[in-house]
Structure formats: structure tokens, C-alpha cells
N, C-alpha and C. Protein backbone atom coordinates (compact mmCIF):
# COMPACT_ATOMS: atom_id res chain seq x y z
N UNK A 1 -124.89 -111.80 38.23
CA UNK A 1 -126.03 -110.88 38.34
C UNK A 1 -125.53 -109.56 38.92
N UNK A 2 -125.40 -108.55 38.06
CA UNK A 2 -124.88 -107.28 38.56
C UNK A 2 -125.97 -106.47 39.24
N UNK A 3 -127.17 -106.48 38.68
CA UNK A 3 -128.27 -105.74 39.32
C UNK A 3 -129.03 -106.71 40.21
N UNK A 4 -129.05 -106.42 41.47
CA UNK A 4 -129.73 -107.31 42.40
C UNK A 4 -130.76 -106.53 43.20
N UNK A 5 -132.00 -106.73 42.82
CA UNK A 5 -133.10 -106.10 43.54
C UNK A 5 -133.91 -107.23 44.15
N UNK A 6 -133.74 -107.40 45.45
CA UNK A 6 -134.29 -108.57 46.11
C UNK A 6 -135.16 -108.21 47.30
N UNK A 7 -136.07 -109.12 47.63
CA UNK A 7 -136.81 -109.07 48.88
C UNK A 7 -136.42 -110.31 49.66
N UNK A 8 -136.42 -110.21 50.99
CA UNK A 8 -136.27 -111.39 51.82
C UNK A 8 -137.48 -111.43 52.74
N UNK A 9 -138.15 -112.58 52.78
CA UNK A 9 -139.32 -112.74 53.64
C UNK A 9 -139.20 -114.05 54.40
N UNK A 10 -139.88 -114.09 55.53
CA UNK A 10 -139.87 -115.29 56.35
C UNK A 10 -140.49 -114.96 57.68
N UNK A 11 -140.89 -115.99 58.42
CA UNK A 11 -141.55 -115.74 59.69
C UNK A 11 -140.62 -115.09 60.71
N UNK A 12 -141.19 -114.36 61.68
CA UNK A 12 -140.37 -113.79 62.75
C UNK A 12 -139.55 -114.90 63.40
N UNK A 13 -138.26 -114.69 63.54
CA UNK A 13 -137.40 -115.68 64.18
C UNK A 13 -136.73 -116.63 63.20
N UNK A 14 -136.97 -116.45 61.90
CA UNK A 14 -136.36 -117.34 60.90
C UNK A 14 -134.94 -116.91 60.55
N UNK A 15 -134.48 -115.80 61.12
CA UNK A 15 -133.11 -115.36 60.86
C UNK A 15 -132.98 -114.43 59.66
N UNK A 16 -134.10 -113.76 59.33
CA UNK A 16 -134.10 -112.86 58.16
C UNK A 16 -133.04 -111.77 58.26
N UNK A 17 -132.99 -111.10 59.40
CA UNK A 17 -132.04 -109.99 59.55
C UNK A 17 -130.61 -110.44 59.36
N UNK A 18 -130.26 -111.56 59.96
CA UNK A 18 -128.90 -112.12 59.84
C UNK A 18 -128.60 -112.47 58.39
N UNK A 19 -129.53 -113.17 57.75
CA UNK A 19 -129.30 -113.58 56.36
C UNK A 19 -129.30 -112.38 55.41
N UNK A 20 -130.13 -111.39 55.70
CA UNK A 20 -130.16 -110.18 54.86
C UNK A 20 -128.79 -109.51 54.87
N UNK A 21 -128.19 -109.38 56.06
CA UNK A 21 -126.88 -108.73 56.17
C UNK A 21 -125.82 -109.49 55.40
N UNK A 22 -125.82 -110.82 55.52
CA UNK A 22 -124.82 -111.66 54.82
C UNK A 22 -125.00 -111.55 53.31
N UNK A 23 -126.25 -111.66 52.86
CA UNK A 23 -126.54 -111.63 51.42
C UNK A 23 -126.21 -110.27 50.82
N UNK A 24 -126.61 -109.20 51.50
CA UNK A 24 -126.34 -107.85 51.00
C UNK A 24 -124.84 -107.61 50.90
N UNK A 25 -124.11 -108.08 51.91
CA UNK A 25 -122.66 -107.92 51.92
C UNK A 25 -122.03 -108.69 50.75
N UNK A 26 -122.50 -109.91 50.53
CA UNK A 26 -121.98 -110.73 49.44
C UNK A 26 -122.22 -110.08 48.08
N UNK A 27 -123.39 -109.42 47.93
CA UNK A 27 -123.74 -108.81 46.65
C UNK A 27 -123.29 -107.35 46.53
N UNK A 28 -122.83 -106.77 47.64
CA UNK A 28 -122.40 -105.37 47.62
C UNK A 28 -123.56 -104.39 47.46
N UNK A 29 -124.70 -104.75 48.05
CA UNK A 29 -125.90 -103.89 47.99
C UNK A 29 -126.36 -103.61 49.41
N UNK A 30 -127.11 -102.52 49.62
CA UNK A 30 -127.59 -102.24 50.98
C UNK A 30 -128.75 -103.15 51.38
N UNK A 31 -128.71 -103.60 52.63
CA UNK A 31 -129.86 -104.30 53.22
C UNK A 31 -130.73 -103.21 53.82
N UNK A 32 -131.97 -103.14 53.38
CA UNK A 32 -132.87 -102.07 53.82
C UNK A 32 -134.01 -102.69 54.61
N UNK A 33 -134.02 -102.42 55.90
CA UNK A 33 -135.06 -102.93 56.77
C UNK A 33 -135.91 -101.75 57.24
N UNK A 34 -137.20 -101.80 56.92
CA UNK A 34 -138.08 -100.71 57.35
C UNK A 34 -138.08 -100.62 58.88
N UNK A 35 -138.04 -101.77 59.55
CA UNK A 35 -137.99 -101.77 61.01
C UNK A 35 -136.77 -101.04 61.54
N UNK A 36 -135.59 -101.28 60.92
CA UNK A 36 -134.36 -100.60 61.33
C UNK A 36 -134.46 -99.10 61.08
N UNK A 37 -135.05 -98.72 59.94
CA UNK A 37 -135.20 -97.29 59.63
C UNK A 37 -136.08 -96.63 60.69
N UNK A 38 -137.20 -97.29 61.03
CA UNK A 38 -138.08 -96.74 62.06
C UNK A 38 -137.35 -96.62 63.39
N UNK A 39 -136.66 -97.71 63.80
CA UNK A 39 -135.96 -97.70 65.10
C UNK A 39 -134.88 -96.64 65.17
N UNK A 40 -134.10 -96.48 64.08
CA UNK A 40 -133.03 -95.48 64.12
C UNK A 40 -133.59 -94.07 64.18
N UNK A 41 -134.73 -93.84 63.50
CA UNK A 41 -135.37 -92.51 63.57
C UNK A 41 -135.96 -92.25 64.96
N UNK A 42 -136.51 -93.29 65.57
CA UNK A 42 -137.05 -93.14 66.93
C UNK A 42 -135.92 -92.80 67.89
N UNK A 43 -134.81 -93.55 67.81
CA UNK A 43 -133.71 -93.30 68.76
C UNK A 43 -133.03 -91.96 68.50
N UNK A 44 -133.06 -91.49 67.24
CA UNK A 44 -132.46 -90.19 66.94
C UNK A 44 -133.41 -89.03 67.23
N UNK A 45 -134.67 -89.37 67.54
CA UNK A 45 -135.65 -88.33 67.85
C UNK A 45 -136.02 -87.45 66.67
N UNK A 46 -135.95 -88.00 65.44
CA UNK A 46 -136.30 -87.22 64.25
C UNK A 46 -137.82 -87.02 64.21
N UNK A 47 -138.26 -86.16 63.31
CA UNK A 47 -139.70 -85.92 63.16
C UNK A 47 -140.41 -87.23 62.79
N UNK A 48 -139.81 -87.97 61.87
CA UNK A 48 -140.36 -89.27 61.48
C UNK A 48 -140.40 -90.20 62.70
N UNK A 49 -139.31 -90.23 63.45
CA UNK A 49 -139.22 -91.08 64.63
C UNK A 49 -140.31 -90.77 65.63
N UNK A 50 -140.59 -89.49 65.83
CA UNK A 50 -141.63 -89.08 66.78
C UNK A 50 -143.00 -89.53 66.29
N UNK A 51 -143.25 -89.40 64.97
CA UNK A 51 -144.52 -89.86 64.39
C UNK A 51 -144.70 -91.36 64.60
N UNK A 52 -143.65 -92.12 64.24
CA UNK A 52 -143.70 -93.57 64.35
C UNK A 52 -143.86 -94.00 65.81
N UNK A 53 -143.11 -93.35 66.69
CA UNK A 53 -143.16 -93.68 68.12
C UNK A 53 -144.58 -93.53 68.67
N UNK A 54 -145.24 -92.44 68.31
CA UNK A 54 -146.59 -92.22 68.85
C UNK A 54 -147.58 -93.26 68.30
N UNK A 55 -147.38 -93.67 67.05
CA UNK A 55 -148.26 -94.68 66.45
C UNK A 55 -148.03 -96.04 67.13
N UNK A 56 -146.75 -96.42 67.22
CA UNK A 56 -146.40 -97.73 67.77
C UNK A 56 -146.74 -97.82 69.25
N UNK A 57 -146.48 -96.75 70.01
CA UNK A 57 -146.73 -96.81 71.45
C UNK A 57 -148.22 -96.90 71.76
N UNK A 58 -149.06 -96.47 70.81
CA UNK A 58 -150.51 -96.60 71.03
C UNK A 58 -151.01 -97.93 70.47
N UNK A 59 -150.07 -98.79 70.05
CA UNK A 59 -150.44 -100.13 69.58
C UNK A 59 -150.86 -100.21 68.13
N UNK A 60 -150.67 -99.11 67.39
CA UNK A 60 -151.10 -99.10 65.99
C UNK A 60 -150.00 -99.56 65.06
N UNK A 61 -150.38 -99.71 63.79
CA UNK A 61 -149.41 -100.03 62.73
C UNK A 61 -149.07 -98.74 62.00
N UNK A 62 -147.82 -98.64 61.60
CA UNK A 62 -147.41 -97.48 60.82
C UNK A 62 -148.17 -97.54 59.49
N UNK A 63 -148.86 -96.45 59.11
CA UNK A 63 -149.67 -96.49 57.88
C UNK A 63 -148.82 -96.70 56.63
N UNK A 64 -149.43 -97.35 55.63
CA UNK A 64 -148.74 -97.61 54.37
C UNK A 64 -148.15 -96.34 53.78
N UNK A 65 -148.91 -95.25 53.85
CA UNK A 65 -148.45 -94.01 53.20
C UNK A 65 -147.08 -93.58 53.74
N UNK A 66 -146.90 -93.70 55.04
CA UNK A 66 -145.63 -93.32 55.68
C UNK A 66 -144.53 -94.31 55.31
N UNK A 67 -144.85 -95.60 55.41
CA UNK A 67 -143.86 -96.63 55.08
C UNK A 67 -143.45 -96.52 53.61
N UNK A 68 -144.42 -96.34 52.72
CA UNK A 68 -144.13 -96.22 51.29
C UNK A 68 -143.20 -95.04 51.01
N UNK A 69 -143.46 -93.92 51.65
CA UNK A 69 -142.64 -92.72 51.44
C UNK A 69 -141.21 -92.97 51.90
N UNK A 70 -141.05 -93.65 53.03
CA UNK A 70 -139.71 -93.96 53.55
C UNK A 70 -138.96 -94.87 52.59
N UNK A 71 -139.65 -95.90 52.10
CA UNK A 71 -139.00 -96.84 51.18
C UNK A 71 -138.63 -96.14 49.87
N UNK A 72 -139.55 -95.33 49.35
CA UNK A 72 -139.25 -94.62 48.09
C UNK A 72 -138.03 -93.73 48.25
N UNK A 73 -137.97 -93.01 49.36
CA UNK A 73 -136.83 -92.14 49.63
C UNK A 73 -135.53 -92.97 49.72
N UNK A 74 -135.59 -94.09 50.45
CA UNK A 74 -134.39 -94.91 50.66
C UNK A 74 -133.91 -95.54 49.35
N UNK A 75 -134.86 -96.01 48.52
CA UNK A 75 -134.47 -96.64 47.25
C UNK A 75 -133.92 -95.62 46.26
N UNK A 76 -134.22 -94.35 46.49
CA UNK A 76 -133.70 -93.30 45.62
C UNK A 76 -132.30 -92.85 45.99
N UNK A 77 -131.78 -93.34 47.11
CA UNK A 77 -130.43 -92.94 47.52
C UNK A 77 -129.38 -93.66 46.69
N UNK A 78 -128.25 -92.99 46.54
CA UNK A 78 -127.17 -93.43 45.65
C UNK A 78 -126.80 -94.91 45.81
N UNK A 79 -126.63 -95.37 47.04
CA UNK A 79 -126.14 -96.74 47.25
C UNK A 79 -127.15 -97.81 46.85
N UNK A 80 -128.43 -97.43 46.67
CA UNK A 80 -129.46 -98.42 46.34
C UNK A 80 -129.80 -98.43 44.85
N UNK A 81 -129.17 -97.56 44.06
CA UNK A 81 -129.55 -97.45 42.65
C UNK A 81 -129.19 -98.70 41.85
N UNK A 82 -128.10 -99.38 42.23
CA UNK A 82 -127.67 -100.58 41.50
C UNK A 82 -128.27 -101.86 42.07
N UNK A 83 -128.94 -101.75 43.21
CA UNK A 83 -129.53 -102.93 43.81
C UNK A 83 -129.77 -102.73 45.29
N UNK A 84 -130.59 -103.61 45.84
CA UNK A 84 -130.95 -103.51 47.26
C UNK A 84 -131.55 -104.82 47.70
N UNK A 85 -131.61 -105.00 49.00
CA UNK A 85 -132.29 -106.15 49.59
C UNK A 85 -133.26 -105.60 50.62
N UNK A 86 -134.55 -105.72 50.32
CA UNK A 86 -135.58 -105.21 51.23
C UNK A 86 -136.00 -106.28 52.22
N UNK A 87 -136.07 -105.90 53.48
CA UNK A 87 -136.49 -106.79 54.56
C UNK A 87 -137.60 -106.09 55.34
N UNK A 88 -138.80 -106.68 55.36
CA UNK A 88 -139.91 -106.08 56.10
C UNK A 88 -140.83 -105.23 55.24
N UNK A 89 -140.57 -105.20 53.96
CA UNK A 89 -141.40 -104.43 53.02
C UNK A 89 -141.31 -105.11 51.67
N UNK A 90 -142.37 -105.28 50.97
CA UNK A 90 -143.75 -104.93 51.29
C UNK A 90 -144.39 -105.96 52.23
N UNK A 91 -145.38 -105.50 52.99
CA UNK A 91 -146.10 -106.39 53.92
C UNK A 91 -147.56 -106.55 53.55
N UNK A 92 -148.05 -105.69 52.66
CA UNK A 92 -149.46 -105.74 52.28
C UNK A 92 -149.56 -105.72 50.75
N UNK A 93 -150.68 -106.20 50.20
CA UNK A 93 -150.86 -106.13 48.74
C UNK A 93 -150.74 -104.70 48.22
N UNK A 94 -151.21 -103.72 49.01
CA UNK A 94 -151.12 -102.31 48.60
C UNK A 94 -149.65 -101.88 48.50
N UNK A 95 -148.83 -102.38 49.43
CA UNK A 95 -147.40 -102.04 49.38
C UNK A 95 -146.71 -102.69 48.18
N UNK A 96 -147.19 -103.86 47.76
CA UNK A 96 -146.64 -104.51 46.56
C UNK A 96 -146.88 -103.60 45.35
N UNK A 97 -148.10 -103.08 45.24
CA UNK A 97 -148.45 -102.18 44.14
C UNK A 97 -147.56 -100.93 44.18
N UNK A 98 -147.36 -100.40 45.38
CA UNK A 98 -146.54 -99.20 45.53
C UNK A 98 -145.08 -99.48 45.17
N UNK A 99 -144.55 -100.62 45.59
CA UNK A 99 -143.17 -100.98 45.25
C UNK A 99 -143.03 -101.12 43.73
N UNK A 100 -144.02 -101.74 43.09
CA UNK A 100 -144.01 -101.84 41.62
C UNK A 100 -143.92 -100.44 41.00
N UNK A 101 -144.71 -99.51 41.54
CA UNK A 101 -144.72 -98.13 41.01
C UNK A 101 -143.36 -97.47 41.21
N UNK A 102 -142.79 -97.62 42.41
CA UNK A 102 -141.48 -97.02 42.71
C UNK A 102 -140.43 -97.55 41.74
N UNK A 103 -140.42 -98.87 41.54
CA UNK A 103 -139.41 -99.48 40.67
C UNK A 103 -139.63 -99.14 39.20
N UNK A 104 -140.89 -99.08 38.77
CA UNK A 104 -141.14 -98.78 37.35
C UNK A 104 -140.75 -97.35 37.03
N UNK A 105 -140.76 -96.47 38.03
CA UNK A 105 -140.35 -95.07 37.81
C UNK A 105 -138.88 -95.00 37.41
N UNK A 106 -138.09 -96.02 37.80
CA UNK A 106 -136.67 -96.05 37.41
C UNK A 106 -136.41 -97.19 36.42
N UNK A 107 -137.49 -97.64 35.78
CA UNK A 107 -137.41 -98.73 34.79
C UNK A 107 -136.69 -99.96 35.34
N UNK A 108 -136.95 -100.27 36.60
CA UNK A 108 -136.35 -101.47 37.16
C UNK A 108 -137.45 -102.36 37.73
N UNK A 109 -137.07 -103.56 38.12
CA UNK A 109 -138.03 -104.49 38.70
C UNK A 109 -137.29 -105.43 39.64
N UNK A 110 -138.04 -106.18 40.40
CA UNK A 110 -137.43 -107.14 41.32
C UNK A 110 -136.81 -108.29 40.56
N UNK A 111 -135.68 -108.80 41.09
CA UNK A 111 -135.04 -109.97 40.49
C UNK A 111 -135.51 -111.25 41.16
N UNK A 112 -135.70 -111.21 42.48
CA UNK A 112 -136.11 -112.43 43.20
C UNK A 112 -136.65 -112.07 44.58
N UNK A 113 -137.47 -112.99 45.10
CA UNK A 113 -137.99 -112.90 46.45
C UNK A 113 -137.50 -114.15 47.18
N UNK A 114 -136.61 -113.95 48.15
CA UNK A 114 -136.06 -115.07 48.91
C UNK A 114 -137.01 -115.35 50.08
N UNK A 115 -137.61 -116.53 50.07
CA UNK A 115 -138.54 -116.92 51.12
C UNK A 115 -137.86 -117.92 52.04
N UNK A 116 -137.57 -117.48 53.28
CA UNK A 116 -137.01 -118.39 54.28
C UNK A 116 -138.17 -119.16 54.90
N UNK A 117 -138.15 -120.46 54.73
CA UNK A 117 -139.21 -121.29 55.29
C UNK A 117 -138.69 -121.96 56.55
N UNK A 118 -139.57 -122.00 57.56
CA UNK A 118 -139.17 -122.60 58.82
C UNK A 118 -140.40 -123.15 59.53
N UNK A 119 -140.25 -124.31 60.10
CA UNK A 119 -141.34 -124.92 60.86
C UNK A 119 -141.71 -124.02 62.04
N UNK A 120 -143.02 -123.77 62.18
CA UNK A 120 -143.49 -122.84 63.22
C UNK A 120 -143.03 -123.23 64.62
N UNK A 121 -143.10 -124.51 64.95
CA UNK A 121 -142.70 -124.94 66.30
C UNK A 121 -141.22 -124.69 66.54
N UNK A 122 -140.40 -124.94 65.52
CA UNK A 122 -138.95 -124.69 65.64
C UNK A 122 -138.68 -123.20 65.88
N UNK A 123 -139.39 -122.35 65.11
CA UNK A 123 -139.20 -120.91 65.24
C UNK A 123 -139.65 -120.43 66.61
N UNK A 124 -140.78 -120.94 67.09
CA UNK A 124 -141.28 -120.56 68.41
C UNK A 124 -140.25 -120.93 69.48
N UNK A 125 -139.70 -122.14 69.37
CA UNK A 125 -138.69 -122.58 70.33
C UNK A 125 -137.46 -121.66 70.29
N UNK A 126 -137.06 -121.29 69.08
CA UNK A 126 -135.89 -120.41 68.91
C UNK A 126 -136.16 -119.04 69.55
N UNK A 127 -137.36 -118.50 69.33
CA UNK A 127 -137.69 -117.18 69.88
C UNK A 127 -137.86 -117.20 71.40
N UNK A 128 -138.39 -118.30 71.93
CA UNK A 128 -138.52 -118.41 73.39
C UNK A 128 -137.13 -118.45 74.02
N UNK A 129 -136.21 -119.15 73.37
CA UNK A 129 -134.82 -119.21 73.87
C UNK A 129 -134.19 -117.81 73.84
N UNK A 130 -134.39 -117.11 72.72
CA UNK A 130 -133.84 -115.75 72.59
C UNK A 130 -134.45 -114.82 73.64
N UNK A 131 -135.76 -114.96 73.88
CA UNK A 131 -136.44 -114.12 74.88
C UNK A 131 -135.83 -114.34 76.26
N UNK A 132 -135.54 -115.60 76.58
CA UNK A 132 -134.91 -115.92 77.87
C UNK A 132 -133.52 -115.30 77.96
N UNK A 133 -132.72 -115.50 76.90
CA UNK A 133 -131.34 -115.01 76.89
C UNK A 133 -131.29 -113.49 76.98
N UNK A 134 -132.25 -112.82 76.32
CA UNK A 134 -132.23 -111.35 76.28
C UNK A 134 -133.16 -110.72 77.30
N UNK A 135 -133.78 -111.54 78.13
CA UNK A 135 -134.66 -111.02 79.16
C UNK A 135 -135.90 -110.32 78.64
N UNK A 136 -136.42 -110.81 77.53
CA UNK A 136 -137.63 -110.22 76.95
C UNK A 136 -138.86 -110.90 77.56
N UNK A 137 -139.29 -110.41 78.71
CA UNK A 137 -140.39 -111.05 79.45
C UNK A 137 -141.70 -111.01 78.68
N UNK A 138 -141.87 -110.01 77.79
CA UNK A 138 -143.13 -109.90 77.05
C UNK A 138 -143.21 -110.89 75.88
N UNK A 139 -142.09 -111.54 75.55
CA UNK A 139 -142.10 -112.54 74.48
C UNK A 139 -142.53 -113.90 75.03
N UNK A 140 -143.81 -114.02 75.33
CA UNK A 140 -144.35 -115.29 75.80
C UNK A 140 -144.68 -116.17 74.59
N UNK A 141 -144.93 -117.44 74.85
CA UNK A 141 -145.26 -118.34 73.74
C UNK A 141 -146.51 -117.86 73.00
N UNK A 142 -147.52 -117.38 73.75
CA UNK A 142 -148.76 -116.89 73.11
C UNK A 142 -148.48 -115.71 72.18
N UNK A 143 -147.68 -114.78 72.66
CA UNK A 143 -147.34 -113.58 71.87
C UNK A 143 -146.58 -114.00 70.61
N UNK A 144 -145.62 -114.90 70.77
CA UNK A 144 -144.80 -115.36 69.65
C UNK A 144 -145.67 -116.09 68.63
N UNK A 145 -146.55 -116.96 69.10
CA UNK A 145 -147.43 -117.70 68.18
C UNK A 145 -148.38 -116.74 67.45
N UNK A 146 -148.84 -115.71 68.16
CA UNK A 146 -149.72 -114.72 67.52
C UNK A 146 -148.97 -114.02 66.39
N UNK A 147 -147.71 -113.64 66.64
CA UNK A 147 -146.90 -112.99 65.60
C UNK A 147 -146.74 -113.89 64.39
N UNK A 148 -146.57 -115.20 64.64
CA UNK A 148 -146.44 -116.17 63.54
C UNK A 148 -147.73 -116.20 62.71
N UNK A 149 -148.87 -116.20 63.41
CA UNK A 149 -150.17 -116.23 62.73
C UNK A 149 -150.37 -114.97 61.88
N UNK A 150 -150.04 -113.82 62.45
CA UNK A 150 -150.18 -112.55 61.73
C UNK A 150 -149.29 -112.57 60.48
N UNK A 151 -148.06 -113.06 60.64
CA UNK A 151 -147.14 -113.17 59.50
C UNK A 151 -147.77 -114.03 58.40
N UNK A 152 -148.31 -115.19 58.78
CA UNK A 152 -148.91 -116.09 57.79
C UNK A 152 -150.07 -115.40 57.05
N UNK A 153 -150.93 -114.74 57.82
CA UNK A 153 -152.08 -114.05 57.22
C UNK A 153 -151.64 -112.96 56.25
N UNK A 154 -150.66 -112.15 56.71
CA UNK A 154 -150.22 -111.01 55.90
C UNK A 154 -149.40 -111.44 54.70
N UNK A 155 -148.54 -112.44 54.90
CA UNK A 155 -147.55 -112.76 53.88
C UNK A 155 -148.06 -113.69 52.79
N UNK A 156 -149.01 -114.57 53.14
CA UNK A 156 -149.50 -115.53 52.14
C UNK A 156 -149.92 -114.86 50.83
N UNK A 157 -150.71 -113.77 50.88
CA UNK A 157 -151.10 -113.14 49.60
C UNK A 157 -149.91 -112.56 48.83
N UNK A 158 -148.89 -112.08 49.55
CA UNK A 158 -147.70 -111.52 48.88
C UNK A 158 -146.94 -112.63 48.16
N UNK A 159 -146.80 -113.76 48.85
CA UNK A 159 -146.08 -114.88 48.25
C UNK A 159 -146.83 -115.35 46.99
N UNK A 160 -148.15 -115.41 47.07
CA UNK A 160 -148.95 -115.80 45.90
C UNK A 160 -148.71 -114.85 44.73
N UNK A 161 -148.69 -113.55 45.02
CA UNK A 161 -148.47 -112.54 43.98
C UNK A 161 -147.11 -112.74 43.32
N UNK A 162 -146.07 -112.88 44.15
CA UNK A 162 -144.72 -113.02 43.60
C UNK A 162 -144.49 -114.40 42.98
N UNK A 163 -145.19 -115.42 43.50
CA UNK A 163 -145.14 -116.75 42.88
C UNK A 163 -145.68 -116.69 41.45
N UNK A 164 -146.77 -115.95 41.28
CA UNK A 164 -147.38 -115.81 39.95
C UNK A 164 -146.42 -115.13 38.97
N UNK A 165 -145.48 -114.37 39.50
CA UNK A 165 -144.47 -113.70 38.66
C UNK A 165 -143.20 -114.54 38.54
N UNK A 166 -143.21 -115.73 39.12
CA UNK A 166 -142.03 -116.62 39.12
C UNK A 166 -140.80 -115.98 39.76
N UNK A 167 -141.01 -115.25 40.84
CA UNK A 167 -139.89 -114.58 41.51
C UNK A 167 -139.46 -115.25 42.81
N UNK A 168 -140.31 -116.11 43.37
CA UNK A 168 -140.04 -116.67 44.70
C UNK A 168 -139.05 -117.82 44.63
N UNK A 169 -138.00 -117.72 45.44
CA UNK A 169 -137.07 -118.84 45.64
C UNK A 169 -137.20 -119.25 47.10
N UNK A 170 -137.52 -120.53 47.33
CA UNK A 170 -137.75 -121.03 48.68
C UNK A 170 -136.47 -121.62 49.24
N UNK A 171 -136.18 -121.26 50.48
CA UNK A 171 -134.97 -121.73 51.13
C UNK A 171 -135.33 -122.23 52.52
N UNK A 172 -134.82 -123.40 52.88
CA UNK A 172 -135.01 -123.92 54.23
C UNK A 172 -134.25 -123.00 55.18
N UNK A 173 -134.99 -122.33 56.06
CA UNK A 173 -134.39 -121.35 56.98
C UNK A 173 -133.85 -121.94 58.26
N UNK A 174 -133.95 -123.27 58.42
CA UNK A 174 -133.44 -123.89 59.65
C UNK A 174 -132.05 -124.46 59.42
N UNK A 175 -131.24 -124.40 60.46
CA UNK A 175 -129.86 -124.87 60.38
C UNK A 175 -128.95 -123.76 60.87
N UNK A 176 -127.65 -123.95 60.70
CA UNK A 176 -126.71 -122.91 61.12
C UNK A 176 -126.79 -121.72 60.17
N UNK A 177 -126.29 -120.59 60.62
CA UNK A 177 -126.26 -119.39 59.78
C UNK A 177 -125.55 -119.70 58.46
N UNK A 178 -124.42 -120.42 58.55
CA UNK A 178 -123.63 -120.75 57.35
C UNK A 178 -124.41 -121.66 56.41
N UNK A 179 -125.12 -122.66 56.97
CA UNK A 179 -125.89 -123.57 56.11
C UNK A 179 -126.97 -122.81 55.35
N UNK A 180 -127.68 -121.93 56.05
CA UNK A 180 -128.77 -121.19 55.41
C UNK A 180 -128.22 -120.22 54.38
N UNK A 181 -127.15 -119.50 54.71
CA UNK A 181 -126.60 -118.54 53.73
C UNK A 181 -126.04 -119.29 52.52
N UNK A 182 -125.53 -120.48 52.71
CA UNK A 182 -125.06 -121.31 51.59
C UNK A 182 -126.21 -121.71 50.68
N UNK A 183 -127.35 -122.07 51.30
CA UNK A 183 -128.53 -122.44 50.50
C UNK A 183 -129.02 -121.25 49.68
N UNK A 184 -129.03 -120.06 50.30
CA UNK A 184 -129.49 -118.86 49.59
C UNK A 184 -128.58 -118.58 48.41
N UNK A 185 -127.28 -118.63 48.64
CA UNK A 185 -126.31 -118.37 47.56
C UNK A 185 -126.51 -119.38 46.43
N UNK A 186 -126.77 -120.61 46.79
CA UNK A 186 -126.96 -121.66 45.79
C UNK A 186 -128.19 -121.41 44.93
N UNK A 187 -129.33 -121.11 45.56
CA UNK A 187 -130.56 -120.91 44.76
C UNK A 187 -130.48 -119.63 43.91
N UNK A 188 -129.71 -118.65 44.37
CA UNK A 188 -129.57 -117.41 43.58
C UNK A 188 -128.44 -117.50 42.56
N UNK A 189 -127.63 -118.55 42.67
CA UNK A 189 -126.53 -118.73 41.72
C UNK A 189 -125.43 -117.69 41.90
N UNK A 190 -125.13 -117.37 43.16
CA UNK A 190 -124.08 -116.36 43.41
C UNK A 190 -122.92 -116.97 44.20
């Protein structure tokens, strides 16, 4: 598969970021995380970063219009023309429509949606351990479980949409990094 246009989705704590980096490296395509783009702009103090910072610090969500524009710009860059792995986008049905529009403008489409599946209790335990190790006092069990619930609410309709297009490949997200990346490679045939 020379053209690889992929999404990776999964609950917070399922190891998406780690697996995205491994998969993108294996395929020679950029891993594009909207969260990373926002964080790097915030730390660099760019105009975008300042906009995002003020939204996030007031507890709001970055509006679709801003996120869509960032993704469209990033997918138009040279390194993403032959393929990409999106992590954290799309998150809403409206963003799915926008991604379809962005891709159809270049006569391309998604090849697959990698869904990392993980038992909620296992993921909560993993995140509580990480919170302890990294001193994240705000990552309480209630907060972590709430994030899991929000993920389920937001992501279920996206999975249904991509399932209807026969794009979703399900992968057990629990196990060692190597076991999970091996499963992903196997289902994608790479």
C-alpha cells in the first residue's frame, strides 16, 4: 500500500500516540495529532497558540472551524501529500464531513480507520498509574472515567459512519507496545 491515509482512534490511555508514531514511521508518513499541533503553537506563542490557549484555559473546546483549518493546512503540506496518519481528528460528525471535503479536493480518500479497543477498567488503571508516575494530581479516577465517557459519546457516531464505509479495522489495544503494533501491522497487511 503506497498511499496510506489513515485515522487512529481509541479511548484516552489506549496508547494511540505511541502506536501512531510507530505506524507512521513504518509507513513513512507523518503522524498528525491535532493536540500536538495545538500544544506546539501554545508553547511557541503563535497567534494560533494564543487563540487556542484562551479557549482551553476558559474550559472550552476549540471550535471545529479552527481545527478544520489547521488540519486542512497540515494535510496540504508536502510531507502529507502521499499519506498521513491522523490522531485526534475528526472528533465530530461535522469534522468527518469536513475531512471528506478536504480529501475530495485532492481526489483522495481514507484507506482505513484503526480502532484501538481497550477495556475501560484496564485503561483507567493504566491512566491512574501514569498520573501517579508523572505527578498529575488532577487525573483522578472520576476525571479519567469522565474522559472515557466523553470519548464513547463522541466517537461512537464516527465509528458507525466509518463502519458503514467498511474502513474500520479493530485492534486489541491492550498488551505490550510491540504486541499492539504487531496486531496493527497484521490487520493492515504491512
